[in-house]
C-alpha atoms as a PDB file:
ATOM      1  CA  UNK A   1       5.469 -86.906  53.370  1.00  0.00           C
ATOM      2  CA  UNK A   2       3.772 -89.060  50.747  1.00  0.00           C
ATOM      3  CA  UNK A   3       0.201 -90.396  50.738  1.00  0.00           C
ATOM      4  CA  UNK A   4      -0.423 -93.497  48.580  1.00  0.00           C
ATOM      5  CA  UNK A   5      -3.564 -95.567  47.991  1.00  0.00           C
ATOM      6  CA  UNK A   6      -3.967 -99.074  46.598  1.00  0.00           C
ATOM      7  CA  UNK A   7      -6.973-101.341  45.998  1.00  0.00           C
ATOM      8  CA  UNK A   8      -7.049-105.129  45.706  1.00  0.00           C
ATOM      9  CA  UNK A   9      -9.818-107.653  45.070  1.00  0.00           C
ATOM     10  CA  UNK A  10     -10.874-109.759  48.053  1.00  0.00           C
ATOM     11  CA  UNK A  11     -12.697-113.027  48.544  1.00  0.00           C
ATOM     12  CA  UNK A  12     -13.919-112.876  52.158  1.00  0.00           C
ATOM     13  CA  UNK A  13     -15.148-110.351  54.661  1.00  0.00           C
ATOM     14  CA  UNK A  14     -12.941-109.327  57.582  1.00  0.00           C
ATOM     15  CA  UNK A  15     -14.885-109.001  60.848  1.00  0.00           C
ATOM     16  CA  UNK A  16     -12.360-107.738  63.415  1.00  0.00           C
ATOM     17  CA  UNK A  17      -9.879-104.915  63.838  1.00  0.00           C
ATOM     18  CA  UNK A  18      -6.150-105.106  64.528  1.00  0.00           C
ATOM     19  CA  UNK A  19      -3.390-102.642  65.402  1.00  0.00           C
ATOM     20  CA  UNK A  20       0.301-103.595  65.261  1.00  0.00           C
ATOM     21  CA  UNK A  21       3.584-101.711  65.367  1.00  0.00           C
ATOM     22  CA  UNK A  22       4.413 -98.125  66.207  1.00  0.00           C
ATOM     23  CA  UNK A  23       5.318 -95.096  64.166  1.00  0.00           C
ATOM     24  CA  UNK A  24       9.000 -94.692  64.957  1.00  0.00           C
ATOM     25  CA  UNK A  25      12.380 -94.616  63.307  1.00  0.00           C
ATOM     26  CA  UNK A  26      12.630 -97.555  60.896  1.00  0.00           C
ATOM     27  CA  UNK A  27       9.228 -98.932  61.903  1.00  0.00           C
ATOM     28  CA  UNK A  28       5.586 -98.523  60.997  1.00  0.00           C
ATOM     29  CA  UNK A  29       2.075 -98.948  62.304  1.00  0.00           C
ATOM     30  CA  UNK A  30      -0.608-101.038  60.609  1.00  0.00           C
ATOM     31  CA  UNK A  31      -4.296-100.525  61.362  1.00  0.00           C
ATOM     32  CA  UNK A  32      -6.573-103.176  59.859  1.00  0.00           C
ATOM     33  CA  UNK A  33     -10.371-102.912  59.987  1.00  0.00           C
ATOM     34  CA  UNK A  34     -13.325-104.490  58.195  1.00  0.00           C
ATOM     35  CA  UNK A  35     -14.079-102.929  54.812  1.00  0.00           C
ATOM     36  CA  UNK A  36     -17.308-100.971  54.594  1.00  0.00           C
ATOM     37  CA  UNK A  37     -20.220-102.898  53.135  1.00  0.00           C
ATOM     38  CA  UNK A  38     -19.925-102.506  49.385  1.00  0.00           C
ATOM     39  CA  UNK A  39     -23.713-102.678  48.941  1.00  0.00           C
ATOM     40  CA  UNK A  40     -23.639-105.687  46.648  1.00  0.00           C
ATOM     41  CA  UNK A  41     -20.410-104.697  44.930  1.00  0.00           C
ATOM     42  CA  UNK A  42     -17.418-106.982  44.786  1.00  0.00           C
ATOM     43  CA  UNK A  43     -15.365-107.342  47.962  1.00  0.00           C
ATOM     44  CA  UNK A  44     -12.154-105.327  48.016  1.00  0.00           C
ATOM     45  CA  UNK A  45      -9.251-104.326  50.207  1.00  0.00           C
ATOM     46  CA  UNK A  46      -8.289-100.666  50.367  1.00  0.00           C
ATOM     47  CA  UNK A  47      -4.799 -99.636  51.541  1.00  0.00           C
ATOM     48  CA  UNK A  48      -3.697 -96.135  52.508  1.00  0.00           C
ATOM     49  CA  UNK A  49       0.012 -95.562  53.096  1.00  0.00           C
ATOM     50  CA  UNK A  50       1.326 -92.437  54.797  1.00  0.00           C
ATOM     51  CA  UNK A  51       5.105 -92.474  54.598  1.00  0.00           C
ATOM     52  CA  UNK A  52       7.883 -90.112  55.587  1.00  0.00           C
ATOM     53  CA  UNK A  53       9.942 -91.289  52.595  1.00  0.00           C
ATOM     54  CA  UNK A  54       8.987 -89.853  49.205  1.00  0.00           C
ATOM     55  CA  UNK A  55       9.509 -91.528  45.824  1.00  0.00           C
ATOM     56  CA  UNK A  56       9.083 -95.208  46.710  1.00  0.00           C
ATOM     57  CA  UNK A  57       5.548 -95.887  45.476  1.00  0.00           C
ATOM     58  CA  UNK A  58       6.853 -98.638  43.157  1.00  0.00           C
ATOM     59  CA  UNK A  59       8.400-100.430  46.171  1.00  0.00           C
ATOM     60  CA  UNK A  60       5.174-100.111  48.173  1.00  0.00           C
ATOM     61  CA  UNK A  61       3.223-101.494  45.215  1.00  0.00           C
ATOM     62  CA  UNK A  62       5.564-104.487  44.920  1.00  0.00           C
ATOM     63  CA  UNK A  63       5.350-105.310  48.637  1.00  0.00           C
ATOM     64  CA  UNK A  64       1.557-104.953  48.684  1.00  0.00           C
ATOM     65  CA  UNK A  65       1.117-106.914  45.425  1.00  0.00           C
ATOM     66  CA  UNK A  66       3.045-109.782  46.971  1.00  0.00           C
ATOM     67  CA  UNK A  67       1.085-109.585  50.246  1.00  0.00           C
ATOM     68  CA  UNK A  68      -2.256-109.666  48.432  1.00  0.00           C
ATOM     69  CA  UNK A  69      -1.314-112.803  46.466  1.00  0.00           C
ATOM     70  CA  UNK A  70      -1.647-114.558  49.852  1.00  0.00           C
ATOM     71  CA  UNK A  71      -4.219-112.447  51.696  1.00  0.00           C
ATOM     72  CA  UNK A  72      -7.809-112.328  50.441  1.00  0.00           C
ATOM     73  CA  UNK A  73      -9.569-110.317  53.156  1.00  0.00           C
ATOM     74  CA  UNK A  74     -11.803-107.341  52.434  1.00  0.00           C
ATOM     75  CA  UNK A  75     -10.207-104.841  54.784  1.00  0.00           C
ATOM     76  CA  UNK A  76      -9.303-101.218  55.136  1.00  0.00           C
ATOM     77  CA  UNK A  77      -5.606-101.049  55.938  1.00  0.00           C
ATOM     78  CA  UNK A  78      -3.872 -97.890  57.085  1.00  0.00           C
ATOM     79  CA  UNK A  79      -0.080 -97.895  57.174  1.00  0.00           C
ATOM     80  CA  UNK A  80       1.757 -95.086  58.941  1.00  0.00           C
ATOM     81  CA  UNK A  81       5.421 -95.438  58.026  1.00  0.00           C
ATOM     82  CA  UNK A  82       8.575 -93.857  59.350  1.00  0.00           C
ATOM     83  CA  UNK A  83      11.219 -95.368  57.071  1.00  0.00           C
ATOM     84  CA  UNK A  84      10.554 -99.100  57.472  1.00  0.00           C
ATOM     85  CA  UNK A  85      12.270-101.532  55.107  1.00  0.00           C
ATOM     86  CA  UNK A  86      10.172-103.778  52.823  1.00  0.00           C
ATOM     87  CA  UNK A  87      10.892-106.705  55.154  1.00  0.00           C
ATOM     88  CA  UNK A  88       9.457-104.837  58.127  1.00  0.00           C
ATOM     89  CA  UNK A  89       6.412-103.854  56.065  1.00  0.00           C
ATOM     90  CA  UNK A  90       5.754-107.511  55.169  1.00  0.00           C
ATOM     91  CA  UNK A  91       6.236-108.564  58.815  1.00  0.00           C
ATOM     92  CA  UNK A  92       3.828-105.934  60.164  1.00  0.00           C
ATOM     93  CA  UNK A  93       1.183-106.805  57.560  1.00  0.00           C
ATOM     94  CA  UNK A  94       1.428-110.495  58.504  1.00  0.00           C
ATOM     95  CA  UNK A  95       1.199-109.564  62.197  1.00  0.00           C
ATOM     96  CA  UNK A  96      -1.926-107.463  61.556  1.00  0.00           C
ATOM     97  CA  UNK A  97      -3.641-110.339  59.778  1.00  0.00           C
ATOM     98  CA  UNK A  98      -2.707-112.732  62.576  1.00  0.00           C
ATOM     99  CA  UNK A  99      -3.938-110.286  65.215  1.00  0.00           C
ATOM    100  CA  UNK A 100      -7.237-109.752  63.360  1.00  0.00           C
ATOM    101  CA  UNK A 101      -7.773-113.497  63.072  1.00  0.00           C
ATOM    102  CA  UNK A 102      -7.131-113.797  66.820  1.00  0.00           C
ATOM    103  CA  UNK A 103      -9.469-110.868  67.459  1.00  0.00           C
ATOM    104  CA  UNK A 104      -7.252-108.111  68.813  1.00  0.00           C
ATOM    105  CA  UNK A 105      -4.087-106.066  68.825  1.00  0.00           C
ATOM    106  CA  UNK A 106      -0.410-106.835  69.226  1.00  0.00           C
END
């Protein structure tokens, strides 16, 4: 089991939570919540990945780097992975953002 963390700059505050996916074979769960108030500091997104597959931090970084070129929300994102492919990761992240913007869970 590997535990990875990533931080990205953000431009806007996120105000709602979202939960998408399930932890299961070849899938993952994404929990998105508003970032804690930085107390005047710059807005940022913080990502924690818990994955059953060791040794792929460079792949996670690539997928998240690409996601954060399009997403500018200051959020805490928890990803609980059980062997999802990069395509599934990107899909679940997009679903979490959509769910948060709609104000709920999928």
